[in-house]
Structures are given as C-alpha cells and as structure tokens.
Amino acid sequence: MTLLSIKSFHIVLAILWGAGVLALLMAPQVPGKTSEQLLRWTARVTTPAMLGALASGLWLTVASGWFLSGMFWIFAKILIVLAVLATHGFQHGALLRASLSKTDPRSSTVRNLGIGAVAFASIVVLATMKPF
C-alpha cells in the first residue's frame, strides 16, 4: 500500500475510534439499554478501530521517519493518544461495571467529555499543522 492509502485508512479508523470514545463519554447521560448497545458497539467497532489506528499510526510514523527527523510534534501527539487510550479503557470499564451492578456511572462524565473533545482537537491540530 502507498503512504497515502495508509494515511487515509488511519484517518478513517481514528474518526471511528474518536466517535466511539466520545459516545462512551456521553453514554452515562442516556438511560436505558443504550449502555448495553454501546458496550457491544465498543467491542465490535471502537476497539478494533483503535487497534487499527494505533497500528497504522505507528507504521506511518516509522515509514515517514518522524521519530528520527526531529519532529517533536509526533511525541506530543503520541502522549495525547495515550491519554485518549487510557480514557477509552477507563470509561469502557466504568460503563461495564455500571451495567453489571446497575449503578449510576454519571460521576464525571461532563468533565471527561470536555477533556476527550479537547484531546481529539489537539491531535487533529498537531497532525495537520505539525507546529514543531
């Protein structure tokens, strides 16, 4: 595959992953069976998209030589991606525990949603502008 096709694949997977994470962050605000459906969506779509985005992103980073060329924006992007990865895991776990124990997982959803949105916006800005 060419570099452009891998980049396109990476963007599509990152959008799917981002939408899934933002949906996970909003899920506790919606009552009913939504959490069970979202857990299935996460297992079937969001998590595979995350793995594909991570793999294709790593391939793009190595193939483009960004690690070795002194482009420090990639390290900032990787740190933010790791934070989103952790948020995905924590929120999925909280939603799963809440669905199993029938508790209310709404504790910090609004704050987490804001952090998730800012993180994804930061990733987009770093990837498109490559500021440093």
Protein backbone atom coordinates (compact mmCIF):
# COMPACT_ATOMS: atom_id res chain seq x y z
CA MET A 1 0.00 0.00 0.00
CA THR A 2 1.09 3.51 -0.63
CA LEU A 3 1.71 6.05 2.10
CA LEU A 4 -1.39 7.99 1.08
CA SER A 5 -3.68 4.94 1.34
CA ILE A 6 -2.29 4.06 4.78
CA LYS A 7 -2.82 7.66 5.88
CA SER A 8 -6.42 7.57 4.60
CA PHE A 9 -7.02 4.27 6.39
CA HIS A 10 -5.54 5.78 9.57
CA ILE A 11 -7.82 8.82 9.37
CA VAL A 12 -10.97 6.71 8.90
CA LEU A 13 -10.03 4.44 11.81
CA ALA A 14 -9.17 7.41 14.03
CA ILE A 15 -12.55 9.01 13.29
CA LEU A 16 -14.34 5.76 14.18
CA TRP A 17 -12.29 5.44 17.36
CA GLY A 18 -12.87 9.07 18.30
CA ALA A 19 -16.60 8.83 17.74
CA GLY A 20 -16.74 5.68 19.84
CA VAL A 21 -14.78 7.24 22.70
CA LEU A 22 -16.95 10.37 22.67
CA ALA A 23 -20.06 8.17 22.63
CA LEU A 24 -18.66 6.25 25.62
CA LEU A 25 -18.13 9.53 27.42
CA MET A 26 -21.72 10.61 26.75
CA ALA A 27 -23.32 7.22 27.46
CA PRO A 28 -23.90 7.64 31.20
CA GLN A 29 -26.22 10.57 30.49
CA VAL A 30 -28.58 8.38 28.45
CA PRO A 31 -30.78 5.98 30.45
CA GLY A 32 -31.97 2.57 29.36
CA LYS A 33 -30.44 -0.12 27.20
CA THR A 34 -28.12 2.32 25.49
CA SER A 35 -25.17 1.28 27.63
CA GLU A 36 -25.53 -2.38 26.64
CA GLN A 37 -25.74 -1.47 22.97
CA LEU A 38 -22.76 0.83 23.30
CA LEU A 39 -20.72 -1.87 25.01
CA ARG A 40 -21.42 -4.15 22.03
CA TRP A 41 -20.52 -1.34 19.59
CA THR A 42 -17.30 -0.73 21.50
CA ALA A 43 -16.33 -4.39 21.34
CA ARG A 44 -17.16 -4.74 17.64
CA VAL A 45 -16.21 -1.34 16.19
CA THR A 46 -14.49 1.11 18.54
CA THR A 47 -11.80 -1.20 19.94
CA PRO A 48 -10.84 -2.71 16.55
CA ALA A 49 -10.74 0.82 15.10
CA MET A 50 -8.47 1.87 17.96
CA LEU A 51 -6.10 -1.03 17.32
CA GLY A 52 -6.05 -0.30 13.58
CA ALA A 53 -5.48 3.42 14.14
CA LEU A 54 -2.61 2.70 16.52
CA ALA A 55 -1.02 0.19 14.15
CA SER A 56 -1.38 2.37 11.06
CA GLY A 57 -0.19 5.44 13.00
CA LEU A 58 2.91 3.59 14.14
CA TRP A 59 3.55 2.44 10.57
CA LEU A 60 3.15 6.00 9.26
CA THR A 61 5.48 7.35 11.95
CA VAL A 62 8.21 4.83 11.17
CA ALA A 63 7.78 4.98 7.37
CA SER A 64 7.84 8.78 7.34
CA GLY A 65 10.88 8.97 9.59
CA TRP A 66 9.19 11.31 12.06
CA PHE A 67 10.92 9.70 15.05
CA LEU A 68 14.37 10.37 13.67
CA SER A 69 13.87 13.69 11.90
CA GLY A 70 13.46 15.87 14.99
CA MET A 71 9.75 16.47 14.52
CA PHE A 72 8.74 16.86 18.14
CA TRP A 73 5.03 17.28 17.39
CA ILE A 74 4.79 13.50 16.96
CA PHE A 75 5.87 12.93 20.56
CA ALA A 76 3.21 15.38 21.81
CA LYS A 77 0.63 13.60 19.64
CA ILE A 78 1.67 10.20 20.99
CA LEU A 79 1.25 11.43 24.58
CA ILE A 80 -2.23 12.72 23.82
CA VAL A 81 -3.14 9.48 22.01
CA LEU A 82 -2.01 7.50 25.07
CA ALA A 83 -4.24 9.70 27.24
CA VAL A 84 -7.21 9.03 24.92
CA LEU A 85 -6.37 5.32 25.01
CA ALA A 86 -6.48 5.39 28.82
CA THR A 87 -9.75 7.36 28.77
CA HIS A 88 -11.24 4.76 26.43
CA GLY A 89 -10.26 1.96 28.78
CA PHE A 90 -11.39 3.68 31.97
CA GLN A 91 -14.74 4.77 30.54
CA HIS A 92 -15.41 1.36 29.00
CA GLY A 93 -14.61 -0.28 32.32
CA ALA A 94 -16.83 2.14 34.25
CA LEU A 95 -19.72 1.56 31.86
CA LEU A 96 -19.24 -2.20 32.03
CA ARG A 97 -19.17 -2.18 35.86
CA ALA A 98 -22.24 0.05 35.93
CA SER A 99 -24.16 -2.23 33.58
CA LEU A 100 -23.26 -5.31 35.63
CA SER A 101 -24.09 -3.79 39.01
CA LYS A 102 -26.90 -1.49 37.78
CA THR A 103 -25.29 1.58 39.35
CA ASP A 104 -25.22 5.14 38.06
CA PRO A 105 -21.91 5.94 36.24
CA ARG A 106 -22.57 9.69 35.84
CA SER A 107 -19.89 10.92 38.26
CA SER A 108 -17.53 12.86 36.00
CA THR A 109 -18.99 12.48 32.54
CA VAL A 110 -19.18 16.17 31.61
CA ARG A 111 -15.56 16.80 32.60
CA ASN A 112 -14.38 13.68 30.77
CA LEU A 113 -16.35 14.64 27.66
CA GLY A 114 -14.67 18.04 27.58
CA ILE A 115 -11.23 16.51 28.06
CA GLY A 116 -11.93 13.97 25.29
CA ALA A 117 -13.08 16.63 22.85
CA VAL A 118 -10.05 18.82 23.57
CA ALA A 119 -7.73 15.82 23.21
CA PHE A 120 -9.10 14.89 19.79
CA ALA A 121 -8.98 18.51 18.64
CA SER A 122 -5.34 18.71 19.80
CA ILE A 123 -4.46 15.56 17.87
CA VAL A 124 -6.01 16.98 14.70
CA VAL A 125 -4.18 20.31 15.11
CA LEU A 126 -0.83 18.60 15.75
CA ALA A 127 -1.23 16.24 12.80
CA THR A 128 -2.30 18.88 10.30
CA MET A 129 -0.13 21.83 11.33
CA LYS A 130 2.96 19.94 12.61
CA PRO A 131 3.93 23.07 14.60
CA PHE A 132 7.29 21.95 16.00
